[in-house]
């Protein structure tokens, strides 16, 4: 029985590229199987369409995370202690010195490092859950931050009560503000 050419792979051929791993290093191949972005990353995720035809991927090099485009150009050189994928709003959570902030697809810091934790993306990439001063809240696609008040079980967002527990949305209920 022969051995596989790659030790591992991540995702599909999005934008014609697929992340592959060989001997502990990641890179990208095209549909013909040719390496087009060299095997030099400690981790590489699948490229993701962010918005306006921009494809980005999170990579790890020398113990730090950054983001590249599909031509292997850095949007952010690896400088973050931790990072998550970009979401549909065009922002990604990144961590430095124990605090999380958000970067945009242009290589700018969009939201200062201020959150103790960042949860998950919810409601079709409309917002992330975030924790600040031991309180959970949400940050929407327009970078509006809505935090829960002390001892509250929910927060109000547009016409919804959003119930949060430990950084996870447990339910959402619509209500009529005019009643």
Foldseek 3Di string as FASTA:
>chain_A
DDDDPFPDWADDCDVQWTWTHDPQFIAIDGPVRHTQGDGQFNDKHDWDQQDPRWTKIWTHHPQFIFMATPNRHTLGDGDFNDWDDHANLQWIWTHDPQFIFIDGSNSGGPGDGAFNDWADQDDRNQWIWTHHPNWIWIQGSVRDTWTDDPPDQFTDDDQWTFGDDPRDTPDIDGDDPVD
